[in-house]
């Protein structure tokens, strides 16, 4: 079940990564420490979302809940060798360049079609109705 979740970046006075509160209307608010790096903020968000998805607010054993969620987060973020990381990064950069080239080609085609729309329309009329260009 999809839940309504609000996310707030806040400057925490402590090293806490995130906190989650269940609101009276059944929605949730995740407070994330704005001092964290962007990557750590994403990890904190995913950690909080796991608590929400598993209805941890209805459970009472905090230690079990936290250890279960932390273990599931570790499974998703397995470290990879630097060489493999760089190869994946280069592959993604190549894909990005190819997509940018394709977007540019498509934009040029669209521009050409927009500029020459009347010409094509007139040529079709000429072909269909033996009209004069």
C-alpha atoms as a PDB file:
ATOM      1  CA  UNK A   1       0.000   0.000   0.000  1.00  0.00           C
ATOM      2  CA  UNK A   2       1.386   3.383  -0.989  1.00  0.00           C
ATOM      3  CA  UNK A   3       1.547   5.855   1.855  1.00  0.00           C
ATOM      4  CA  UNK A   4       1.615   9.646   1.731  1.00  0.00           C
ATOM      5  CA  UNK A   5       5.034  10.748   2.917  1.00  0.00           C
ATOM      6  CA  UNK A   6       6.386  14.250   3.467  1.00  0.00           C
ATOM      7  CA  UNK A   7      10.136  14.785   3.512  1.00  0.00           C
ATOM      8  CA  UNK A   8      11.772  17.662   5.352  1.00  0.00           C
ATOM      9  CA  UNK A   9      15.484  18.497   5.315  1.00  0.00           C
ATOM     10  CA  UNK A  10      16.437  19.954   8.663  1.00  0.00           C
ATOM     11  CA  UNK A  11      19.691  20.960  10.327  1.00  0.00           C
ATOM     12  CA  UNK A  12      19.878  18.493  13.239  1.00  0.00           C
ATOM     13  CA  UNK A  13      21.943  19.515  16.280  1.00  0.00           C
ATOM     14  CA  UNK A  14      23.019  15.868  16.633  1.00  0.00           C
ATOM     15  CA  UNK A  15      24.493  13.260  14.288  1.00  0.00           C
ATOM     16  CA  UNK A  16      21.093  11.612  13.823  1.00  0.00           C
ATOM     17  CA  UNK A  17      20.535  10.773  10.170  1.00  0.00           C
ATOM     18  CA  UNK A  18      16.722  10.780  10.097  1.00  0.00           C
ATOM     19  CA  UNK A  19      13.581  10.508  12.172  1.00  0.00           C
ATOM     20  CA  UNK A  20      10.096   9.491  11.136  1.00  0.00           C
ATOM     21  CA  UNK A  21       6.790  10.521  12.646  1.00  0.00           C
ATOM     22  CA  UNK A  22       3.338   9.183  11.935  1.00  0.00           C
ATOM     23  CA  UNK A  23       0.891  12.054  11.572  1.00  0.00           C
ATOM     24  CA  UNK A  24      -2.671  12.118  12.909  1.00  0.00           C
ATOM     25  CA  UNK A  25      -4.103  11.911   9.370  1.00  0.00           C
ATOM     26  CA  UNK A  26      -2.252   8.661   8.604  1.00  0.00           C
ATOM     27  CA  UNK A  27       0.540  10.286   6.605  1.00  0.00           C
ATOM     28  CA  UNK A  28       4.198  10.210   7.588  1.00  0.00           C
ATOM     29  CA  UNK A  29       6.880  12.852   7.831  1.00  0.00           C
ATOM     30  CA  UNK A  30      10.538  11.966   7.396  1.00  0.00           C
ATOM     31  CA  UNK A  31      12.995  14.484   8.815  1.00  0.00           C
ATOM     32  CA  UNK A  32      16.457  14.102   7.259  1.00  0.00           C
ATOM     33  CA  UNK A  33      19.605  15.760   8.556  1.00  0.00           C
ATOM     34  CA  UNK A  34      20.605  18.431   6.022  1.00  0.00           C
ATOM     35  CA  UNK A  35      24.248  18.179   7.145  1.00  0.00           C
ATOM     36  CA  UNK A  36      24.544  14.772   5.497  1.00  0.00           C
ATOM     37  CA  UNK A  37      25.910  14.326   1.995  1.00  0.00           C
ATOM     38  CA  UNK A  38      23.352  13.804  -0.753  1.00  0.00           C
ATOM     39  CA  UNK A  39      24.188  10.081  -0.925  1.00  0.00           C
ATOM     40  CA  UNK A  40      23.776   9.681   2.853  1.00  0.00           C
ATOM     41  CA  UNK A  41      20.481  11.579   2.687  1.00  0.00           C
ATOM     42  CA  UNK A  42      19.227   9.075   0.106  1.00  0.00           C
ATOM     43  CA  UNK A  43      20.293   6.178   2.313  1.00  0.00           C
ATOM     44  CA  UNK A  44      18.565   7.799   5.307  1.00  0.00           C
ATOM     45  CA  UNK A  45      15.408   8.273   3.225  1.00  0.00           C
ATOM     46  CA  UNK A  46      15.400   4.640   2.109  1.00  0.00           C
ATOM     47  CA  UNK A  47      15.981   3.530   5.710  1.00  0.00           C
ATOM     48  CA  UNK A  48      12.993   5.556   6.892  1.00  0.00           C
ATOM     49  CA  UNK A  49      10.832   4.288   4.024  1.00  0.00           C
ATOM     50  CA  UNK A  50      11.582   0.683   5.035  1.00  0.00           C
ATOM     51  CA  UNK A  51      10.194   1.448   8.497  1.00  0.00           C
ATOM     52  CA  UNK A  52       7.053   2.915   6.934  1.00  0.00           C
ATOM     53  CA  UNK A  53       6.604   0.068   4.435  1.00  0.00           C
ATOM     54  CA  UNK A  54       6.931  -2.571   7.162  1.00  0.00           C
ATOM     55  CA  UNK A  55       4.466  -0.808   9.513  1.00  0.00           C
ATOM     56  CA  UNK A  56       7.124  -0.578  12.214  1.00  0.00           C
ATOM     57  CA  UNK A  57       5.053   2.055  14.013  1.00  0.00           C
ATOM     58  CA  UNK A  58       2.689  -0.687  15.121  1.00  0.00           C
ATOM     59  CA  UNK A  59       5.522  -2.731  16.701  1.00  0.00           C
ATOM     60  CA  UNK A  60       7.162  -2.276  20.071  1.00  0.00           C
ATOM     61  CA  UNK A  61      10.557  -4.040  19.971  1.00  0.00           C
ATOM     62  CA  UNK A  62      12.764  -1.198  18.718  1.00  0.00           C
ATOM     63  CA  UNK A  63      16.025  -3.198  18.755  1.00  0.00           C
ATOM     64  CA  UNK A  64      14.609  -5.951  16.557  1.00  0.00           C
ATOM     65  CA  UNK A  65      13.042  -3.436  14.184  1.00  0.00           C
ATOM     66  CA  UNK A  66      16.286  -1.471  13.756  1.00  0.00           C
ATOM     67  CA  UNK A  67      18.494  -4.526  13.298  1.00  0.00           C
ATOM     68  CA  UNK A  68      16.095  -5.963  10.675  1.00  0.00           C
ATOM     69  CA  UNK A  69      15.937  -2.704   8.709  1.00  0.00           C
ATOM     70  CA  UNK A  70      19.703  -2.159   8.899  1.00  0.00           C
ATOM     71  CA  UNK A  71      20.357  -5.663   7.617  1.00  0.00           C
ATOM     72  CA  UNK A  72      18.015  -5.168   4.667  1.00  0.00           C
ATOM     73  CA  UNK A  73      19.752  -1.853   3.858  1.00  0.00           C
ATOM     74  CA  UNK A  74      23.165  -3.531   3.927  1.00  0.00           C
ATOM     75  CA  UNK A  75      21.974  -6.100   1.389  1.00  0.00           C
ATOM     76  CA  UNK A  76      21.106  -3.337  -1.088  1.00  0.00           C
ATOM     77  CA  UNK A  77      24.389  -1.445  -0.655  1.00  0.00           C
ATOM     78  CA  UNK A  78      27.066  -4.031  -1.135  1.00  0.00           C
ATOM     79  CA  UNK A  79      30.463  -2.483  -1.810  1.00  0.00           C
ATOM     80  CA  UNK A  80      31.950  -3.157  -5.229  1.00  0.00           C
ATOM     81  CA  UNK A  81      35.579  -2.982  -6.347  1.00  0.00           C
ATOM     82  CA  UNK A  82      36.761   0.406  -7.599  1.00  0.00           C
ATOM     83  CA  UNK A  83      37.586  -0.983 -11.046  1.00  0.00           C
ATOM     84  CA  UNK A  84      34.054  -2.347 -11.460  1.00  0.00           C
ATOM     85  CA  UNK A  85      32.609   0.954 -10.242  1.00  0.00           C
ATOM     86  CA  UNK A  86      34.667   2.939 -12.761  1.00  0.00           C
ATOM     87  CA  UNK A  87      33.702   0.575 -15.592  1.00  0.00           C
ATOM     88  CA  UNK A  88      30.022   1.002 -14.712  1.00  0.00           C
ATOM     89  CA  UNK A  89      30.467   4.768 -14.502  1.00  0.00           C
ATOM     90  CA  UNK A  90      32.131   4.884 -17.935  1.00  0.00           C
ATOM     91  CA  UNK A  91      29.359   2.693 -19.410  1.00  0.00           C
ATOM     92  CA  UNK A  92      26.720   5.067 -18.044  1.00  0.00           C
ATOM     93  CA  UNK A  93      28.614   8.073 -19.421  1.00  0.00           C
ATOM     94  CA  UNK A  94      28.739   6.441 -22.876  1.00  0.00           C
ATOM     95  CA  UNK A  95      25.004   5.780 -22.707  1.00  0.00           C
ATOM     96  CA  UNK A  96      24.403   9.379 -21.677  1.00  0.00           C
ATOM     97  CA  UNK A  97      26.443  10.698 -24.630  1.00  0.00           C
ATOM     98  CA  UNK A  98      24.569   8.424 -27.033  1.00  0.00           C
ATOM     99  CA  UNK A  99      21.231   9.609 -25.654  1.00  0.00           C
ATOM    100  CA  UNK A 100      22.299  13.256 -25.965  1.00  0.00           C
ATOM    101  CA  UNK A 101      23.274  12.663 -29.620  1.00  0.00           C
ATOM    102  CA  UNK A 102      19.946  10.998 -30.314  1.00  0.00           C
ATOM    103  CA  UNK A 103      18.026  13.814 -28.620  1.00  0.00           C
ATOM    104  CA  UNK A 104      19.923  16.361 -30.711  1.00  0.00           C
ATOM    105  CA  UNK A 105      19.133  14.459 -33.929  1.00  0.00           C
ATOM    106  CA  UNK A 106      15.463  14.173 -32.978  1.00  0.00           C
ATOM    107  CA  UNK A 107      15.302  17.885 -32.139  1.00  0.00           C
ATOM    108  CA  UNK A 108      16.810  18.711 -35.557  1.00  0.00           C
ATOM    109  CA  UNK A 109      14.231  16.496 -37.282  1.00  0.00           C
ATOM    110  CA  UNK A 110      11.407  18.143 -35.357  1.00  0.00           C
ATOM    111  CA  UNK A 111      12.735  21.614 -36.227  1.00  0.00           C
ATOM    112  CA  UNK A 112      12.939  20.656 -39.901  1.00  0.00           C
ATOM    113  CA  UNK A 113       9.390  19.317 -39.869  1.00  0.00           C
ATOM    114  CA  UNK A 114       8.066  22.443 -38.158  1.00  0.00           C
ATOM    115  CA  UNK A 115       9.857  24.749 -40.595  1.00  0.00           C
ATOM    116  CA  UNK A 116       8.728  22.793 -43.653  1.00  0.00           C
ATOM    117  CA  UNK A 117       5.243  21.786 -42.576  1.00  0.00           C
ATOM    118  CA  UNK A 118       3.546  23.940 -45.199  1.00  0.00           C
ATOM    119  CA  UNK A 119       5.842  22.603 -47.919  1.00  0.00           C
ATOM    120  CA  UNK A 120       4.892  19.014 -47.086  1.00  0.00           C
ATOM    121  CA  UNK A 121       1.208  19.927 -46.888  1.00  0.00           C
ATOM    122  CA  UNK A 122       1.359  21.635 -50.265  1.00  0.00           C
ATOM    123  CA  UNK A 123       3.234  18.693 -51.830  1.00  0.00           C
ATOM    124  CA  UNK A 124       0.567  16.283 -50.572  1.00  0.00           C
ATOM    125  CA  UNK A 125      -2.170  18.492 -52.013  1.00  0.00           C
ATOM    126  CA  UNK A 126      -0.309  18.679 -55.301  1.00  0.00           C
ATOM    127  CA  UNK A 127       0.091  14.908 -55.422  1.00  0.00           C
ATOM    128  CA  UNK A 128      -3.480  14.124 -54.391  1.00  0.00           C
ATOM    129  CA  UNK A 129      -5.302  16.810 -56.302  1.00  0.00           C
ATOM    130  CA  UNK A 130      -2.850  17.573 -59.128  1.00  0.00           C
ATOM    131  CA  UNK A 131      -2.618  21.090 -57.777  1.00  0.00           C
ATOM    132  CA  UNK A 132       0.027  23.666 -58.444  1.00  0.00           C
ATOM    133  CA  UNK A 133       2.782  24.230 -55.888  1.00  0.00           C
END
